[in-house]
Protein backbone atom coordinates (compact mmCIF):
# COMPACT_ATOMS: atom_id res chain seq x y z
CA MET A 1 12.90 -2.39 200.52
CA PHE A 2 16.50 -1.36 200.50
CA ILE A 3 19.39 -0.77 202.90
CA GLY A 4 20.34 2.86 203.40
CA GLN A 5 23.19 4.58 205.22
CA LYS A 6 22.91 7.51 207.59
CA THR A 7 26.16 9.37 208.31
CA PHE A 8 26.70 11.71 211.24
CA LYS A 9 29.64 14.03 211.84
CA ASN A 10 31.08 14.22 215.37
CA LYS A 11 32.35 17.40 216.97
CA ASP A 12 35.95 16.25 216.52
CA GLY A 13 35.42 15.91 212.75
CA SER A 14 35.21 12.12 212.61
CA THR A 15 32.14 10.45 211.15
CA ARG A 16 29.99 7.48 212.10
CA THR A 17 27.71 5.56 209.76
CA TYR A 18 24.57 3.61 210.63
CA LEU A 19 22.68 1.15 208.43
CA GLN A 20 18.89 1.32 208.05
CA LEU A 21 16.39 -1.06 206.47
CA VAL A 22 13.96 1.22 204.60
CA GLU A 23 10.67 0.45 202.84
CA ASN A 24 8.79 2.58 200.32
CA ALA A 25 5.02 2.90 200.57
CA ARG A 26 2.50 5.05 198.73
CA GLN A 27 0.49 7.28 201.06
CA ASP A 28 -2.01 9.92 199.91
CA GLY A 29 -0.70 9.65 196.35
CA ARG A 30 2.93 10.19 197.35
CA VAL A 31 5.78 7.80 198.01
CA ARG A 32 6.97 7.81 201.61
CA GLN A 33 10.02 6.11 203.05
CA ARG A 34 9.77 4.45 206.44
CA VAL A 35 12.66 3.08 208.48
CA VAL A 36 11.76 -0.51 209.37
CA GLU A 37 14.90 -1.29 211.34
CA ALA A 38 17.99 0.66 212.33
CA ARG A 39 21.26 -1.14 212.97
CA GLY A 40 24.46 -0.07 214.66
CA ALA A 41 27.54 1.29 212.99
CA GLY A 42 28.39 -0.20 209.63
CA GLY A 43 30.22 0.69 206.48
CA PRO A 44 33.82 0.36 205.32
CA GLU A 45 35.40 0.90 208.71
CA ARG A 46 33.50 -2.04 210.16
């Protein structure tokens, strides 16, 4: 498991970042990532 960041760009050019708890699991011989939990805005501005 690891914590990932998802960044979105707003129409006005500003960005917002969300934190996600992600786990890796092997499925059909391939590694798949699944978001376990998504949290609100995070990152340096918070």
